Amino acid sequence: MGLIVLSTILSIILGSCAWLVIGDKFPLNEERKWPAANNIFIYAVCLLLPVYLFIFFTF
């Protein structure tokens, strides 16, 4: 349970950092972009599995 919570928190933090670097990109190929919170959520969801697997195999 702790692994899931830790990976979720880290993915939210890394998703926020990714949003700061990449910016608002979603939806792709559209002129009008979604709010920042939606983009941060998408980045965090995309990073959830890689962060979980990294922590799982490292520790």
PDB file of N, CA and C in Angstrom:
ATOM      1  N   MET A   1       0.825  -1.193   0.000  1.00  0.00           N
ATOM      2  CA  MET A   1       0.000   0.000   0.000  1.00  0.00           C
ATOM      3  C   MET A   1       0.864   1.249   0.000  1.00  0.00           C
ATOM      4  N   GLY A   2       1.944   1.208   0.759  1.00  0.00           N
ATOM      5  CA  GLY A   2       2.838   2.355   0.821  1.00  0.00           C
ATOM      6  C   GLY A   2       3.501   2.638  -0.512  1.00  0.00           C
ATOM      7  N   LEU A   3       3.781   1.589  -1.273  1.00  0.00           N
ATOM      8  CA  LEU A   3       4.398   1.749  -2.582  1.00  0.00           C
ATOM      9  C   LEU A   3       3.467   2.481  -3.541  1.00  0.00           C
ATOM     10  N   ILE A   4       2.204   2.166  -3.478  1.00  0.00           N
ATOM     11  CA  ILE A   4       1.228   2.830  -4.344  1.00  0.00           C
ATOM     12  C   ILE A   4       1.088   4.293  -3.974  1.00  0.00           C
ATOM     13  N   VAL A   5       1.027   4.582  -2.685  1.00  0.00           N
ATOM     14  CA  VAL A   5       0.897   5.966  -2.228  1.00  0.00           C
ATOM     15  C   VAL A   5       2.138   6.765  -2.602  1.00  0.00           C
ATOM     16  N   LEU A   6       3.314   6.211  -2.371  1.00  0.00           N
ATOM     17  CA  LEU A   6       4.560   6.890  -2.706  1.00  0.00           C
ATOM     18  C   LEU A   6       4.676   7.148  -4.198  1.00  0.00           C
ATOM     19  N   SER A   7       4.346   6.166  -5.013  1.00  0.00           N
ATOM     20  CA  SER A   7       4.445   6.353  -6.454  1.00  0.00           C
ATOM     21  C   SER A   7       3.404   7.356  -6.951  1.00  0.00           C
ATOM     22  N   THR A   8       2.238   7.399  -6.331  1.00  0.00           N
ATOM     23  CA  THR A   8       1.223   8.383  -6.716  1.00  0.00           C
ATOM     24  C   THR A   8       1.675   9.799  -6.384  1.00  0.00           C
ATOM     25  N   ILE A   9       2.216   9.989  -5.199  1.00  0.00           N
ATOM     26  CA  ILE A   9       2.688  11.313  -4.801  1.00  0.00           C
ATOM     27  C   ILE A   9       3.843  11.759  -5.692  1.00  0.00           C
ATOM     28  N   LEU A  10       4.785  10.873  -5.956  1.00  0.00           N
ATOM     29  CA  LEU A  10       5.908  11.219  -6.818  1.00  0.00           C
ATOM     30  C   LEU A  10       5.459  11.507  -8.248  1.00  0.00           C
ATOM     31  N   SER A  11       4.481  10.777  -8.742  1.00  0.00           N
ATOM     32  CA  SER A  11       4.013  11.033 -10.103  1.00  0.00           C
ATOM     33  C   SER A  11       3.292  12.373 -10.192  1.00  0.00           C
ATOM     34  N   ILE A  12       2.590  12.782  -9.136  1.00  0.00           N
ATOM     35  CA  ILE A  12       1.958  14.102  -9.128  1.00  0.00           C
ATOM     36  C   ILE A  12       3.022  15.192  -9.123  1.00  0.00           C
ATOM     37  N   ILE A  13       4.063  15.015  -8.320  1.00  0.00           N
ATOM     38  CA  ILE A  13       5.148  16.001  -8.279  1.00  0.00           C
ATOM     39  C   ILE A  13       5.870  16.061  -9.618  1.00  0.00           C
ATOM     40  N   LEU A  14       6.192  14.902 -10.182  1.00  0.00           N
ATOM     41  CA  LEU A  14       6.881  14.877 -11.476  1.00  0.00           C
ATOM     42  C   LEU A  14       5.972  15.359 -12.600  1.00  0.00           C
ATOM     43  N   GLY A  15       4.667  15.115 -12.495  1.00  0.00           N
ATOM     44  CA  GLY A  15       3.724  15.633 -13.479  1.00  0.00           C
ATOM     45  C   GLY A  15       3.666  17.148 -13.462  1.00  0.00           C
ATOM     46  N   SER A  16       3.752  17.716 -12.263  1.00  0.00           N
ATOM     47  CA  SER A  16       3.789  19.171 -12.149  1.00  0.00           C
ATOM     48  C   SER A  16       5.078  19.731 -12.739  1.00  0.00           C
ATOM     49  N   CYS A  17       6.186  19.051 -12.492  1.00  0.00           N
ATOM     50  CA  CYS A  17       7.463  19.484 -13.077  1.00  0.00           C
ATOM     51  C   CYS A  17       7.438  19.349 -14.597  1.00  0.00           C
ATOM     52  N   ALA A  18       6.847  18.281 -15.086  1.00  0.00           N
ATOM     53  CA  ALA A  18       6.736  18.104 -16.538  1.00  0.00           C
ATOM     54  C   ALA A  18       5.869  19.189 -17.149  1.00  0.00           C
ATOM     55  N   TRP A  19       4.816  19.584 -16.452  1.00  0.00           N
ATOM     56  CA  TRP A  19       3.965  20.665 -16.944  1.00  0.00           C
ATOM     57  C   TRP A  19       4.741  21.979 -16.998  1.00  0.00           C
ATOM     58  N   LEU A  20       5.615  22.220 -16.007  1.00  0.00           N
ATOM     59  CA  LEU A  20       6.423  23.431 -16.028  1.00  0.00           C
ATOM     60  C   LEU A  20       7.385  23.444 -17.207  1.00  0.00           C
ATOM     61  N   VAL A  21       7.921  22.285 -17.567  1.00  0.00           N
ATOM     62  CA  VAL A  21       8.888  22.207 -18.669  1.00  0.00           C
ATOM     63  C   VAL A  21       8.187  22.169 -20.024  1.00  0.00           C
ATOM     64  N   ILE A  22       7.190  21.315 -20.161  1.00  0.00           N
ATOM     65  CA  ILE A  22       6.541  21.098 -21.458  1.00  0.00           C
ATOM     66  C   ILE A  22       5.432  22.106 -21.710  1.00  0.00           C
ATOM     67  N   GLY A  23       4.626  22.373 -20.698  1.00  0.00           N
ATOM     68  CA  GLY A  23       3.535  23.330 -20.833  1.00  0.00           C
ATOM     69  C   GLY A  23       2.224  22.673 -21.214  1.00  0.00           C
ATOM     70  N   ASP A  24       1.267  23.505 -21.597  1.00  0.00           N
ATOM     71  CA  ASP A  24      -0.059  23.022 -21.974  1.00  0.00           C
ATOM     72  C   ASP A  24      -0.028  22.498 -23.410  1.00  0.00           C
ATOM     73  N   LYS A  25      -0.102  21.197 -23.551  1.00  0.00           N
ATOM     74  CA  LYS A  25      -0.053  20.568 -24.882  1.00  0.00           C
ATOM     75  C   LYS A  25      -1.340  19.855 -25.258  1.00  0.00           C
ATOM     76  N   PHE A  26      -2.211  19.596 -24.302  1.00  0.00           N
ATOM     77  CA  PHE A  26      -3.394  18.791 -24.586  1.00  0.00           C
ATOM     78  C   PHE A  26      -4.622  19.660 -24.719  1.00  0.00           C
ATOM     79  N   PRO A  27      -5.540  19.381 -25.592  1.00  0.00           N
ATOM     80  CA  PRO A  27      -5.527  18.337 -26.613  1.00  0.00           C
ATOM     81  C   PRO A  27      -4.583  18.707 -27.749  1.00  0.00           C
ATOM     82  N   LEU A  28      -3.955  17.704 -28.293  1.00  0.00           N
ATOM     83  CA  LEU A  28      -2.990  17.896 -29.371  1.00  0.00           C
ATOM     84  C   LEU A  28      -3.698  18.381 -30.638  1.00  0.00           C
ATOM     85  N   ASN A  29      -3.006  19.181 -31.401  1.00  0.00           N
ATOM     86  CA  ASN A  29      -3.485  19.712 -32.685  1.00  0.00           C
ATOM     87  C   ASN A  29      -4.770  20.518 -32.564  1.00  0.00           C
ATOM     88  N   GLU A  30      -4.986  21.120 -31.421  1.00  0.00           N
ATOM     89  CA  GLU A  30      -6.136  21.993 -31.207  1.00  0.00           C
ATOM     90  C   GLU A  30      -5.617  23.378 -30.852  1.00  0.00           C
ATOM     91  N   GLU A  31      -6.328  24.392 -31.283  1.00  0.00           N
ATOM     92  CA  GLU A  31      -5.897  25.744 -30.964  1.00  0.00           C
ATOM     93  C   GLU A  31      -6.202  26.105 -29.513  1.00  0.00           C
ATOM     94  N   ARG A  32      -7.351  25.680 -29.036  1.00  0.00           N
ATOM     95  CA  ARG A  32      -7.753  25.970 -27.664  1.00  0.00           C
ATOM     96  C   ARG A  32      -7.321  24.813 -26.764  1.00  0.00           C
ATOM     97  N   LYS A  33      -6.536  25.110 -25.729  1.00  0.00           N
ATOM     98  CA  LYS A  33      -5.986  24.079 -24.844  1.00  0.00           C
ATOM     99  C   LYS A  33      -6.807  23.976 -23.566  1.00  0.00           C
ATOM    100  N   TRP A  34      -6.684  22.825 -22.893  1.00  0.00           N
ATOM    101  CA  TRP A  34      -7.376  22.590 -21.635  1.00  0.00           C
ATOM    102  C   TRP A  34      -6.721  23.403 -20.522  1.00  0.00           C
ATOM    103  N   PRO A  35      -7.393  23.532 -19.387  1.00  0.00           N
ATOM    104  CA  PRO A  35      -6.791  24.223 -18.243  1.00  0.00           C
ATOM    105  C   PRO A  35      -5.544  23.492 -17.729  1.00  0.00           C
ATOM    106  N   ALA A  36      -4.748  24.201 -16.970  1.00  0.00           N
ATOM    107  CA  ALA A  36      -3.487  23.648 -16.464  1.00  0.00           C
ATOM    108  C   ALA A  36      -3.711  22.420 -15.592  1.00  0.00           C
ATOM    109  N   ALA A  37      -4.762  22.410 -14.788  1.00  0.00           N
ATOM    110  CA  ALA A  37      -5.009  21.262 -13.900  1.00  0.00           C
ATOM    111  C   ALA A  37      -5.241  19.979 -14.699  1.00  0.00           C
ATOM    112  N   ASN A  38      -5.936  20.082 -15.811  1.00  0.00           N
ATOM    113  CA  ASN A  38      -6.162  18.890 -16.643  1.00  0.00           C
ATOM    114  C   ASN A  38      -4.858  18.388 -17.250  1.00  0.00           C
ATOM    115  N   ASN A  39      -4.008  19.304 -17.689  1.00  0.00           N
ATOM    116  CA  ASN A  39      -2.722  18.899 -18.258  1.00  0.00           C
ATOM    117  C   ASN A  39      -1.829  18.266 -17.202  1.00  0.00           C
ATOM    118  N   ILE A  40      -1.804  18.814 -15.997  1.00  0.00           N
ATOM    119  CA  ILE A  40      -1.008  18.224 -14.919  1.00  0.00           C
ATOM    120  C   ILE A  40      -1.519  16.828 -14.595  1.00  0.00           C
ATOM    121  N   PHE A  41      -2.838  16.647 -14.576  1.00  0.00           N
ATOM    122  CA  PHE A  41      -3.417  15.327 -14.316  1.00  0.00           C
ATOM    123  C   PHE A  41      -2.995  14.321 -15.383  1.00  0.00           C
ATOM    124  N   ILE A  42      -3.014  14.725 -16.640  1.00  0.00           N
ATOM    125  CA  ILE A  42      -2.620  13.817 -17.720  1.00  0.00           C
ATOM    126  C   ILE A  42      -1.148  13.450 -17.605  1.00  0.00           C
ATOM    127  N   TYR A  43      -0.295  14.437 -17.319  1.00  0.00           N
ATOM    128  CA  TYR A  43       1.126  14.146 -17.141  1.00  0.00           C
ATOM    129  C   TYR A  43       1.350  13.210 -15.966  1.00  0.00           C
ATOM    130  N   ALA A  44       0.636  13.416 -14.869  1.00  0.00           N
ATOM    131  CA  ALA A  44       0.792  12.559 -13.692  1.00  0.00           C
ATOM    132  C   ALA A  44       0.339  11.127 -13.984  1.00  0.00           C
ATOM    133  N   VAL A  45      -0.758  10.979 -14.710  1.00  0.00           N
ATOM    134  CA  VAL A  45      -1.243   9.637 -15.061  1.00  0.00           C
ATOM    135  C   VAL A  45      -0.254   8.942 -15.990  1.00  0.00           C
ATOM    136  N   CYS A  46       0.331   9.683 -16.917  1.00  0.00           N
ATOM    137  CA  CYS A  46       1.320   9.081 -17.825  1.00  0.00           C
ATOM    138  C   CYS A  46       2.578   8.645 -17.073  1.00  0.00           C
ATOM    139  N   LEU A  47       2.909   9.328 -15.993  1.00  0.00           N
ATOM    140  CA  LEU A  47       4.112   8.992 -15.236  1.00  0.00           C
ATOM    141  C   LEU A  47       3.870   7.985 -14.115  1.00  0.00           C
ATOM    142  N   LEU A  48       2.640   7.646 -13.836  1.00  0.00           N
ATOM    143  CA  LEU A  48       2.332   6.779 -12.701  1.00  0.00           C
ATOM    144  C   LEU A  48       2.958   5.396 -12.840  1.00  0.00           C
ATOM    145  N   LEU A  49       2.777   4.754 -13.949  1.00  0.00           N
ATOM    146  CA  LEU A  49       3.328   3.398 -14.135  1.00  0.00           C
ATOM    147  C   LEU A  49       4.854   3.388 -14.172  1.00  0.00           C
ATOM    148  N   PRO A  50       5.515   4.288 -14.919  1.00  0.00           N
ATOM    149  CA  PRO A  50       6.985   4.266 -14.876  1.00  0.00           C
ATOM    150  C   PRO A  50       7.560   4.532 -13.481  1.00  0.00           C
ATOM    151  N   VAL A  51       6.952   5.441 -12.728  1.00  0.00           N
ATOM    152  CA  VAL A  51       7.427   5.719 -11.369  1.00  0.00           C
ATOM    153  C   VAL A  51       7.205   4.501 -10.481  1.00  0.00           C
ATOM    154  N   TYR A  52       6.044   3.874 -10.583  1.00  0.00           N
ATOM    155  CA  TYR A  52       5.754   2.680  -9.784  1.00  0.00           C
ATOM    156  C   TYR A  52       6.757   1.565 -10.091  1.00  0.00           C
ATOM    157  N   LEU A  53       6.993   1.316 -11.368  1.00  0.00           N
ATOM    158  CA  LEU A  53       7.926   0.250 -11.741  1.00  0.00           C
ATOM    159  C   LEU A  53       9.349   0.573 -11.321  1.00  0.00           C
ATOM    160  N   PHE A  54       9.757   1.838 -11.426  1.00  0.00           N
ATOM    161  CA  PHE A  54      11.094   2.223 -10.989  1.00  0.00           C
ATOM    162  C   PHE A  54      11.269   1.979  -9.502  1.00  0.00           C
ATOM    163  N   ILE A  55      10.296   2.395  -8.700  1.00  0.00           N
ATOM    164  CA  ILE A  55      10.393   2.181  -7.248  1.00  0.00           C
ATOM    165  C   ILE A  55      10.328   0.695  -6.918  1.00  0.00           C
ATOM    166  N   PHE A  56       9.475  -0.051  -7.612  1.00  0.00           N
ATOM    167  CA  PHE A  56       9.317  -1.473  -7.342  1.00  0.00           C
ATOM    168  C   PHE A  56      10.613  -2.231  -7.590  1.00  0.00           C
ATOM    169  N   PHE A  57      11.253  -1.964  -8.725  1.00  0.00           N
ATOM    170  CA  PHE A  57      12.460  -2.709  -9.054  1.00  0.00           C
ATOM    171  C   PHE A  57      13.714  -2.167  -8.363  1.00  0.00           C
ATOM    172  N   THR A  58      13.672  -0.922  -7.886  1.00  0.00           N
ATOM    173  CA  THR A  58      14.830  -0.352  -7.187  1.00  0.00           C
ATOM    174  C   THR A  58      14.878  -0.812  -5.738  1.00  0.00           C
ATOM    175  N   PHE A  59      13.727  -0.844  -5.083  1.00  0.00           N
ATOM    176  CA  PHE A  59      13.699  -1.214  -3.672  1.00  0.00           C
ATOM    177  C   PHE A  59      13.135  -2.599  -3.533  1.00  0.00           C
TER     178      PHE A  59
END
